Amino acid sequence: MEVVDYHVHSNNSFDGKNSIEEMCRKAIEKNLSEICFTEHFSVDPRDVSYRVLDYEKYFSEIIKAKEKFSDRIRIKCGMEIGEPHLKQYQEDLVKEIENMNLDFIIGSVHNIDGIKLRLYMQNKNKYDIYYDYFSEIYEMVKSSDIDIVGHMDLMKRYAYEAHGNYTFDDYKEIIEKILKEVISRGIGLEINGSGYSNKVGEPYPGKKVLDLYRNLGGEVMTVGSDSHFCESLAIHNIKMINLLKETGFKYIFTYEKRKKIPLKI
């Protein structure tokens, strides 16, 4: 079984610790067949990652890594874009993306109304915290030029200690709306392993979301560690691939120049 990692941050991201070369060496050591770098990118001036990414440096390092390691691992160039649906910034975003020649784009919600999730949840009740988050995800999937929805129920990471995990049935209606939109637009979901490494103890999204997505006809899944340093590369990816198999998925997907490539599992 091939193991790939489609959510990786190098030190080109504001919170990444290791260089692209270091991450590639560790990926080879861990016997990954493919790695996709997905550096943080935002066009919202309120976000901490706004204008942090040095495109020229990032793309140059990807090219050098391919030259050095292409006989041992496939290396792809992507972005994780925060809140790509914000209309006041969309025109600028579209222009920038057109010039990047990316392989892959994750769309993620890290903020609501320009406020970090961990701060947004303060002084709100449990139902509203999760509902507002899923509503923002829905707005994103309706209009954004993305390939995959990143960590679809990430809010549980921040709300877990104070409120616990969300009850799936309380949000099934809006989750189903999100998933139907994902399927109709030909995009997909990420299964993100970072939740296994904190109190949540499960991936983003959880099993019930994956079951519903599959039952609705969803097929497009990527597997990502959300690694920000070498040691966490792909640490739960085999576990997640096995979970996808149990849920009825036959493939995970890789990407090249924004085109899907199925990989049988």
C-alpha atoms as a PDB file:
ATOM      1  CA  MET A   1       0.000   0.000   0.000  1.00  0.00           C
ATOM      2  CA  GLU A   2       1.349   3.407  -0.968  1.00  0.00           C
ATOM      3  CA  VAL A   3       1.476   5.991   1.795  1.00  0.00           C
ATOM      4  CA  VAL A   4       1.180   9.654   0.806  1.00  0.00           C
ATOM      5  CA  ASP A   5       0.823  12.828   2.840  1.00  0.00           C
ATOM      6  CA  TYR A   6      -1.296  15.613   1.372  1.00  0.00           C
ATOM      7  CA  HIS A   7      -1.221  18.167   4.171  1.00  0.00           C
ATOM      8  CA  VAL A   8       2.309  19.249   5.060  1.00  0.00           C
ATOM      9  CA  HIS A   9       3.777  22.576   6.193  1.00  0.00           C
ATOM     10  CA  SER A  10       7.446  23.483   5.909  1.00  0.00           C
ATOM     11  CA  ASN A  11       9.064  26.561   7.421  1.00  0.00           C
ATOM     12  CA  ASN A  12       7.661  28.493   4.467  1.00  0.00           C
ATOM     13  CA  SER A  13       4.489  28.583   6.581  1.00  0.00           C
ATOM     14  CA  PHE A  14       4.476  30.941   9.561  1.00  0.00           C
ATOM     15  CA  ASP A  15       4.127  27.982  11.958  1.00  0.00           C
ATOM     16  CA  GLY A  16       6.278  25.374  10.185  1.00  0.00           C
ATOM     17  CA  LYS A  17       9.536  24.197  11.765  1.00  0.00           C
ATOM     18  CA  ASN A  18      11.566  22.357   9.113  1.00  0.00           C
ATOM     19  CA  SER A  19      12.742  23.105   5.587  1.00  0.00           C
ATOM     20  CA  ILE A  20      11.311  21.462   2.496  1.00  0.00           C
ATOM     21  CA  GLU A  21      14.522  19.484   2.067  1.00  0.00           C
ATOM     22  CA  GLU A  22      14.386  18.249   5.665  1.00  0.00           C
ATOM     23  CA  MET A  23      10.744  17.257   5.289  1.00  0.00           C
ATOM     24  CA  CYS A  24      11.490  15.381   2.066  1.00  0.00           C
ATOM     25  CA  ARG A  25      14.373  13.489   3.662  1.00  0.00           C
ATOM     26  CA  LYS A  26      12.152  12.452   6.557  1.00  0.00           C
ATOM     27  CA  ALA A  27       9.354  11.438   4.166  1.00  0.00           C
ATOM     28  CA  ILE A  28      11.791   9.203   2.286  1.00  0.00           C
ATOM     29  CA  GLU A  29      13.009   7.752   5.586  1.00  0.00           C
ATOM     30  CA  LYS A  30       9.370   6.966   6.435  1.00  0.00           C
ATOM     31  CA  ASN A  31       8.868   5.300   3.025  1.00  0.00           C
ATOM     32  CA  LEU A  32       6.297   7.749   1.714  1.00  0.00           C
ATOM     33  CA  SER A  33       5.736   7.557  -2.027  1.00  0.00           C
ATOM     34  CA  GLU A  34       4.443  11.136  -2.326  1.00  0.00           C
ATOM     35  CA  ILE A  35       4.370  14.348  -0.323  1.00  0.00           C
ATOM     36  CA  CYS A  36       2.387  17.490  -1.061  1.00  0.00           C
ATOM     37  CA  PHE A  37       3.391  20.726   0.615  1.00  0.00           C
ATOM     38  CA  THR A  38       0.376  22.860   1.488  1.00  0.00           C
ATOM     39  CA  GLU A  39       1.716  26.115   2.841  1.00  0.00           C
ATOM     40  CA  HIS A  40      -0.561  28.536   4.651  1.00  0.00           C
ATOM     41  CA  PHE A  41      -1.875  31.336   2.477  1.00  0.00           C
ATOM     42  CA  SER A  42      -4.360  34.096   3.204  1.00  0.00           C
ATOM     43  CA  VAL A  43      -5.500  37.218   1.419  1.00  0.00           C
ATOM     44  CA  ASP A  44      -7.286  38.460   4.545  1.00  0.00           C
ATOM     45  CA  PRO A  45      -5.159  41.123   6.284  1.00  0.00           C
ATOM     46  CA  ARG A  46      -6.683  40.084   9.613  1.00  0.00           C
ATOM     47  CA  ASP A  47      -5.086  36.633   9.432  1.00  0.00           C
ATOM     48  CA  VAL A  48      -1.696  35.845  10.956  1.00  0.00           C
ATOM     49  CA  SER A  49      -0.572  34.147   7.723  1.00  0.00           C
ATOM     50  CA  TYR A  50      -1.355  37.196   5.572  1.00  0.00           C
ATOM     51  CA  ARG A  51       1.525  37.851   3.165  1.00  0.00           C
ATOM     52  CA  VAL A  52       3.914  35.666   5.175  1.00  0.00           C
ATOM     53  CA  LEU A  53       4.516  33.224   2.325  1.00  0.00           C
ATOM     54  CA  ASP A  54       7.398  34.112   0.025  1.00  0.00           C
ATOM     55  CA  TYR A  55       6.200  32.594  -3.254  1.00  0.00           C
ATOM     56  CA  GLU A  56       9.515  32.834  -5.050  1.00  0.00           C
ATOM     57  CA  LYS A  57      11.397  31.113  -2.234  1.00  0.00           C
ATOM     58  CA  TYR A  58       8.725  28.413  -1.849  1.00  0.00           C
ATOM     59  CA  PHE A  59       8.538  27.512  -5.527  1.00  0.00           C
ATOM     60  CA  SER A  60      12.328  27.590  -5.855  1.00  0.00           C
ATOM     61  CA  GLU A  61      12.714  25.170  -2.949  1.00  0.00           C
ATOM     62  CA  ILE A  62      10.113  22.819  -4.455  1.00  0.00           C
ATOM     63  CA  ILE A  63      12.039  22.765  -7.748  1.00  0.00           C
ATOM     64  CA  LYS A  64      15.320  22.056  -5.953  1.00  0.00           C
ATOM     65  CA  ALA A  65      13.726  19.266  -3.909  1.00  0.00           C
ATOM     66  CA  LYS A  66      12.344  17.641  -7.055  1.00  0.00           C
ATOM     67  CA  GLU A  67      15.783  17.781  -8.657  1.00  0.00           C
ATOM     68  CA  LYS A  68      17.354  16.183  -5.602  1.00  0.00           C
ATOM     69  CA  PHE A  69      14.756  13.584  -4.604  1.00  0.00           C
ATOM     70  CA  SER A  70      12.557  12.777  -7.631  1.00  0.00           C
ATOM     71  CA  ASP A  71      14.033   9.285  -7.952  1.00  0.00           C
ATOM     72  CA  ARG A  72      12.852   8.470  -4.414  1.00  0.00           C
ATOM     73  CA  ILE A  73       9.632  10.393  -3.835  1.00  0.00           C
ATOM     74  CA  ARG A  74       7.007  12.370  -5.757  1.00  0.00           C
ATOM     75  CA  ILE A  75       6.853  15.984  -4.585  1.00  0.00           C
ATOM     76  CA  LYS A  76       3.843  18.218  -5.185  1.00  0.00           C
ATOM     77  CA  CYS A  77       3.290  21.930  -4.628  1.00  0.00           C
ATOM     78  CA  GLY A  78       0.088  23.090  -2.961  1.00  0.00           C
ATOM     79  CA  MET A  79      -1.506  25.666  -0.699  1.00  0.00           C
ATOM     80  CA  GLU A  80      -3.835  25.657   2.270  1.00  0.00           C
ATOM     81  CA  ILE A  81      -5.951  28.754   1.755  1.00  0.00           C
ATOM     82  CA  GLY A  82      -7.818  30.187   4.708  1.00  0.00           C
ATOM     83  CA  GLU A  83     -11.362  31.386   4.106  1.00  0.00           C
ATOM     84  CA  PRO A  84     -11.078  31.504   0.287  1.00  0.00           C
ATOM     85  CA  HIS A  85     -14.786  32.354   0.034  1.00  0.00           C
ATOM     86  CA  LEU A  86     -14.545  35.851   1.509  1.00  0.00           C
ATOM     87  CA  LYS A  87     -15.988  37.931  -1.303  1.00  0.00           C
ATOM     88  CA  GLN A  88     -14.080  41.115  -0.530  1.00  0.00           C
ATOM     89  CA  TYR A  89     -10.826  39.271  -1.237  1.00  0.00           C
ATOM     90  CA  GLN A  90     -11.873  36.747  -3.890  1.00  0.00           C
ATOM     91  CA  GLU A  91     -10.897  38.775  -6.950  1.00  0.00           C
ATOM     92  CA  ASP A  92      -7.337  39.227  -5.700  1.00  0.00           C
ATOM     93  CA  LEU A  93      -7.162  35.572  -4.699  1.00  0.00           C
ATOM     94  CA  VAL A  94      -8.252  34.305  -8.112  1.00  0.00           C
ATOM     95  CA  LYS A  95      -5.600  36.422  -9.839  1.00  0.00           C
ATOM     96  CA  GLU A  96      -2.859  35.214  -7.526  1.00  0.00           C
ATOM     97  CA  ILE A  97      -3.773  31.537  -7.840  1.00  0.00           C
ATOM     98  CA  GLU A  98      -3.845  31.710 -11.647  1.00  0.00           C
ATOM     99  CA  ASN A  99      -0.161  32.650 -11.626  1.00  0.00           C
ATOM    100  CA  MET A 100       0.975  29.960  -9.202  1.00  0.00           C
ATOM    101  CA  ASN A 101       0.680  26.777 -11.285  1.00  0.00           C
ATOM    102  CA  LEU A 102      -0.218  24.748  -8.193  1.00  0.00           C
ATOM    103  CA  ASP A 103      -0.884  21.031  -7.998  1.00  0.00           C
ATOM    104  CA  PHE A 104      -3.382  21.163  -5.160  1.00  0.00           C
ATOM    105  CA  ILE A 105      -5.446  23.546  -3.021  1.00  0.00           C
ATOM    106  CA  ILE A 106      -6.967  22.886   0.393  1.00  0.00           C
ATOM    107  CA  GLY A 107      -9.700  25.253   1.517  1.00  0.00           C
ATOM    108  CA  SER A 108      -9.901  25.665   5.282  1.00  0.00           C
ATOM    109  CA  VAL A 109     -11.750  27.698   7.869  1.00  0.00           C
ATOM    110  CA  HIS A 110      -9.436  28.928  10.623  1.00  0.00           C
ATOM    111  CA  ASN A 111     -11.372  32.118  11.365  1.00  0.00           C
ATOM    112  CA  ILE A 112     -14.968  33.310  11.528  1.00  0.00           C
ATOM    113  CA  ASP A 113     -15.548  37.022  10.901  1.00  0.00           C
ATOM    114  CA  GLY A 114     -11.789  37.458  11.011  1.00  0.00           C
ATOM    115  CA  ILE A 115     -11.577  35.975  14.516  1.00  0.00           C
ATOM    116  CA  LYS A 116      -9.516  32.877  15.322  1.00  0.00           C
ATOM    117  CA  LEU A 117     -11.681  29.872  16.196  1.00  0.00           C
ATOM    118  CA  ARG A 118     -10.329  29.563  19.740  1.00  0.00           C
ATOM    119  CA  LEU A 119     -11.328  33.183  20.381  1.00  0.00           C
ATOM    120  CA  TYR A 120     -14.585  33.109  18.431  1.00  0.00           C
ATOM    121  CA  MET A 121     -15.992  30.396  20.712  1.00  0.00           C
ATOM    122  CA  GLN A 122     -15.607  32.485  23.858  1.00  0.00           C
ATOM    123  CA  ASN A 123     -18.895  33.463  25.535  1.00  0.00           C
ATOM    124  CA  LYS A 124     -20.925  31.361  23.089  1.00  0.00           C
ATOM    125  CA  ASN A 125     -22.966  28.248  23.775  1.00  0.00           C
ATOM    126  CA  LYS A 126     -21.966  24.858  22.423  1.00  0.00           C
ATOM    127  CA  TYR A 127     -24.643  24.645  19.751  1.00  0.00           C
ATOM    128  CA  ASP A 128     -23.835  28.035  18.245  1.00  0.00           C
ATOM    129  CA  ILE A 129     -20.082  27.433  18.307  1.00  0.00           C
ATOM    130  CA  TYR A 130     -20.351  24.365  16.125  1.00  0.00           C
ATOM    131  CA  TYR A 131     -23.250  25.603  13.997  1.00  0.00           C
ATOM    132  CA  ASP A 132     -21.482  28.851  13.123  1.00  0.00           C
ATOM    133  CA  TYR A 133     -18.387  26.903  12.144  1.00  0.00           C
ATOM    134  CA  PHE A 134     -20.261  24.485   9.875  1.00  0.00           C
ATOM    135  CA  SER A 135     -22.135  27.432   8.354  1.00  0.00           C
ATOM    136  CA  GLU A 136     -18.809  29.014   7.444  1.00  0.00           C
ATOM    137  CA  ILE A 137     -17.644  25.740   5.888  1.00  0.00           C
ATOM    138  CA  TYR A 138     -20.848  25.663   3.837  1.00  0.00           C
ATOM    139  CA  GLU A 139     -20.231  29.176   2.540  1.00  0.00           C
ATOM    140  CA  MET A 140     -16.724  28.138   1.569  1.00  0.00           C
ATOM    141  CA  VAL A 141     -17.711  25.023  -0.378  1.00  0.00           C
ATOM    142  CA  LYS A 142     -20.441  26.873  -2.302  1.00  0.00           C
ATOM    143  CA  SER A 143     -18.124  29.245  -4.108  1.00  0.00           C
ATOM    144  CA  SER A 144     -14.411  28.619  -3.592  1.00  0.00           C
ATOM    145  CA  ASP A 145     -11.947  27.370  -6.189  1.00  0.00           C
ATOM    146  CA  ILE A 146     -10.529  24.556  -4.066  1.00  0.00           C
ATOM    147  CA  ASP A 147      -9.817  20.859  -4.486  1.00  0.00           C
ATOM    148  CA  ILE A 148     -10.445  19.631  -0.951  1.00  0.00           C
ATOM    149  CA  VAL A 149     -12.149  20.771   2.254  1.00  0.00           C
ATOM    150  CA  GLY A 150      -9.538  20.777   5.010  1.00  0.00           C
ATOM    151  CA  HIS A 151     -10.232  19.324   8.488  1.00  0.00           C
ATOM    152  CA  MET A 152     -13.979  19.753   8.077  1.00  0.00           C
ATOM    153  CA  ASP A 153     -14.911  19.646  11.776  1.00  0.00           C
ATOM    154  CA  LEU A 154     -11.813  21.391  13.142  1.00  0.00           C
ATOM    155  CA  MET A 155     -13.834  23.411  15.650  1.00  0.00           C
ATOM    156  CA  LYS A 156     -13.889  20.376  17.957  1.00  0.00           C
ATOM    157  CA  ARG A 157     -10.157  20.873  18.510  1.00  0.00           C
ATOM    158  CA  TYR A 158     -10.833  24.207  20.211  1.00  0.00           C
ATOM    159  CA  ALA A 159     -14.236  23.498  21.760  1.00  0.00           C
ATOM    160  CA  TYR A 160     -13.433  20.044  23.116  1.00  0.00           C
ATOM    161  CA  GLU A 161     -12.053  21.029  26.515  1.00  0.00           C
ATOM    162  CA  ALA A 162     -14.896  23.388  27.407  1.00  0.00           C
ATOM    163  CA  HIS A 163     -17.800  21.732  25.585  1.00  0.00           C
ATOM    164  CA  GLY A 164     -16.769  18.281  24.385  1.00  0.00           C
ATOM    165  CA  ASN A 165     -17.239  16.902  20.901  1.00  0.00           C
ATOM    166  CA  TYR A 166     -20.340  17.825  18.933  1.00  0.00           C
ATOM    167  CA  THR A 167     -23.329  15.495  18.682  1.00  0.00           C
ATOM    168  CA  PHE A 168     -23.535  14.525  15.020  1.00  0.00           C
ATOM    169  CA  ASP A 169     -27.341  14.363  14.866  1.00  0.00           C
ATOM    170  CA  ASP A 170     -27.617  17.971  16.093  1.00  0.00           C
ATOM    171  CA  TYR A 171     -25.794  19.149  12.964  1.00  0.00           C
ATOM    172  CA  LYS A 172     -26.658  16.434  10.474  1.00  0.00           C
ATOM    173  CA  GLU A 173     -28.774  18.748   8.313  1.00  0.00           C
ATOM    174  CA  ILE A 174     -26.060  21.329   7.692  1.00  0.00           C
ATOM    175  CA  ILE A 175     -23.341  18.675   7.425  1.00  0.00           C
ATOM    176  CA  GLU A 176     -25.405  16.952   4.744  1.00  0.00           C
ATOM    177  CA  LYS A 177     -25.782  20.269   2.889  1.00  0.00           C
ATOM    178  CA  ILE A 178     -22.008  20.692   2.972  1.00  0.00           C
ATOM    179  CA  LEU A 179     -21.348  17.178   1.713  1.00  0.00           C
ATOM    180  CA  LYS A 180     -23.908  17.395  -1.092  1.00  0.00           C
ATOM    181  CA  GLU A 181     -22.314  20.642  -2.256  1.00  0.00           C
ATOM    182  CA  VAL A 182     -18.859  19.052  -2.105  1.00  0.00           C
ATOM    183  CA  ILE A 183     -20.041  16.159  -4.265  1.00  0.00           C
ATOM    184  CA  SER A 184     -21.958  18.305  -6.755  1.00  0.00           C
ATOM    185  CA  ARG A 185     -18.954  20.585  -7.292  1.00  0.00           C
ATOM    186  CA  GLY A 186     -16.532  17.714  -7.818  1.00  0.00           C
ATOM    187  CA  ILE A 187     -14.326  18.574  -4.876  1.00  0.00           C
ATOM    188  CA  GLY A 188     -13.596  16.298  -1.937  1.00  0.00           C
ATOM    189  CA  LEU A 189     -12.788  15.902   1.730  1.00  0.00           C
ATOM    190  CA  GLU A 190      -9.544  15.566   3.586  1.00  0.00           C
ATOM    191  CA  ILE A 191      -9.138  13.096   6.420  1.00  0.00           C
ATOM    192  CA  ASN A 192      -6.732  14.899   8.718  1.00  0.00           C
ATOM    193  CA  GLY A 193      -4.818  12.958  11.357  1.00  0.00           C
ATOM    194  CA  SER A 194      -3.842  15.772  13.690  1.00  0.00           C
ATOM    195  CA  GLY A 195      -6.855  15.115  15.926  1.00  0.00           C
ATOM    196  CA  TYR A 196      -5.375  11.763  16.923  1.00  0.00           C
ATOM    197  CA  SER A 197      -2.528  13.644  18.598  1.00  0.00           C
ATOM    198  CA  ASN A 198      -4.663  15.759  20.937  1.00  0.00           C
ATOM    199  CA  LYS A 199      -7.568  15.278  23.343  1.00  0.00           C
ATOM    200  CA  VAL A 200     -10.063  14.853  20.510  1.00  0.00           C
ATOM    201  CA  GLY A 201      -8.573  11.431  19.761  1.00  0.00           C
ATOM    202  CA  GLU A 202     -10.072  11.084  16.276  1.00  0.00           C
ATOM    203  CA  PRO A 203      -9.482  12.498  12.804  1.00  0.00           C
ATOM    204  CA  TYR A 204     -11.073  15.533  11.213  1.00  0.00           C
ATOM    205  CA  PRO A 205     -13.776  14.796  10.199  1.00  0.00           C
ATOM    206  CA  GLY A 206     -15.020  11.990  12.431  1.00  0.00           C
ATOM    207  CA  LYS A 207     -16.374   8.611  11.374  1.00  0.00           C
ATOM    208  CA  LYS A 208     -20.047   9.642  11.199  1.00  0.00           C
ATOM    209  CA  VAL A 209     -19.251  12.420   8.731  1.00  0.00           C
ATOM    210  CA  LEU A 210     -17.232   9.983   6.630  1.00  0.00           C
ATOM    211  CA  ASP A 211     -20.099   7.469   6.706  1.00  0.00           C
ATOM    212  CA  LEU A 212     -22.605  10.081   5.556  1.00  0.00           C
ATOM    213  CA  TYR A 213     -20.297  11.327   2.813  1.00  0.00           C
ATOM    214  CA  ARG A 214     -19.806   7.797   1.496  1.00  0.00           C
ATOM    215  CA  ASN A 215     -23.542   7.020   1.705  1.00  0.00           C
ATOM    216  CA  LEU A 216     -24.304  10.165  -0.301  1.00  0.00           C
ATOM    217  CA  GLY A 217     -21.958   8.942  -3.024  1.00  0.00           C
ATOM    218  CA  GLY A 218     -18.821  10.809  -1.995  1.00  0.00           C
ATOM    219  CA  GLU A 219     -15.608   9.273  -3.264  1.00  0.00           C
ATOM    220  CA  VAL A 220     -12.880  11.913  -3.312  1.00  0.00           C
ATOM    221  CA  MET A 221     -10.668  11.752  -0.215  1.00  0.00           C
ATOM    222  CA  THR A 222      -7.136  12.880   0.522  1.00  0.00           C
ATOM    223  CA  VAL A 223      -5.056  11.830   3.520  1.00  0.00           C
ATOM    224  CA  GLY A 224      -3.049  14.422   5.427  1.00  0.00           C
ATOM    225  CA  SER A 225      -1.106  14.571   8.662  1.00  0.00           C
ATOM    226  CA  ASP A 226      -1.185  18.376   8.925  1.00  0.00           C
ATOM    227  CA  SER A 227       2.456  18.038   9.885  1.00  0.00           C
ATOM    228  CA  HIS A 228       4.392  21.172  10.804  1.00  0.00           C
ATOM    229  CA  PHE A 229       7.656  19.379  11.610  1.00  0.00           C
ATOM    230  CA  CYS A 230       9.501  16.284  10.427  1.00  0.00           C
ATOM    231  CA  GLU A 231       8.615  13.809  13.158  1.00  0.00           C
ATOM    232  CA  SER A 232       4.856  14.176  12.697  1.00  0.00           C
ATOM    233  CA  LEU A 233       4.892  13.420   8.971  1.00  0.00           C
ATOM    234  CA  ALA A 234       2.283  10.767   8.128  1.00  0.00           C
ATOM    235  CA  ILE A 235       2.199   9.505  11.722  1.00  0.00           C
ATOM    236  CA  HIS A 236      -1.446   8.405  11.518  1.00  0.00           C
ATOM    237  CA  ASN A 237      -1.833   8.025   7.758  1.00  0.00           C
ATOM    238  CA  ILE A 238      -1.939   4.217   7.650  1.00  0.00           C
ATOM    239  CA  LYS A 239      -4.561   4.233  10.404  1.00  0.00           C
ATOM    240  CA  MET A 240      -6.623   6.727   8.402  1.00  0.00           C
ATOM    241  CA  ILE A 241      -6.325   4.738   5.183  1.00  0.00           C
ATOM    242  CA  ASN A 242      -7.595   1.673   7.039  1.00  0.00           C
ATOM    243  CA  LEU A 243     -10.493   3.720   8.434  1.00  0.00           C
ATOM    244  CA  LEU A 244     -11.393   4.825   4.913  1.00  0.00           C
ATOM    245  CA  LYS A 245     -11.333   1.204   3.749  1.00  0.00           C
ATOM    246  CA  GLU A 246     -13.666   0.226   6.601  1.00  0.00           C
ATOM    247  CA  THR A 247     -16.006   3.046   5.588  1.00  0.00           C
ATOM    248  CA  GLY A 248     -16.213   1.733   2.026  1.00  0.00           C
ATOM    249  CA  PHE A 249     -13.803   3.979   0.148  1.00  0.00           C
ATOM    250  CA  LYS A 250     -11.814   2.288  -2.617  1.00  0.00           C
ATOM    251  CA  TYR A 251      -9.380   5.085  -3.416  1.00  0.00           C
ATOM    252  CA  ILE A 252      -7.561   8.034  -2.002  1.00  0.00           C
ATOM    253  CA  PHE A 253      -6.575  10.813  -4.369  1.00  0.00           C
ATOM    254  CA  THR A 254      -3.411  12.628  -5.291  1.00  0.00           C
ATOM    255  CA  TYR A 255      -3.229  15.651  -7.582  1.00  0.00           C
ATOM    256  CA  GLU A 256      -1.142  17.085 -10.369  1.00  0.00           C
ATOM    257  CA  LYS A 257      -1.828  20.547 -11.789  1.00  0.00           C
ATOM    258  CA  ARG A 258      -5.200  20.468  -9.989  1.00  0.00           C
ATOM    259  CA  LYS A 259      -6.224  17.188 -11.658  1.00  0.00           C
ATOM    260  CA  LYS A 260      -7.318  14.215  -9.547  1.00  0.00           C
ATOM    261  CA  ILE A 261      -5.309  10.990  -9.652  1.00  0.00           C
ATOM    262  CA  PRO A 262      -6.934   7.970  -7.925  1.00  0.00           C
ATOM    263  CA  LEU A 263      -4.741   5.701  -5.836  1.00  0.00           C
ATOM    264  CA  LYS A 264      -6.265   2.338  -4.924  1.00  0.00           C
ATOM    265  CA  ILE A 265      -6.217   1.433  -1.245  1.00  0.00           C
END
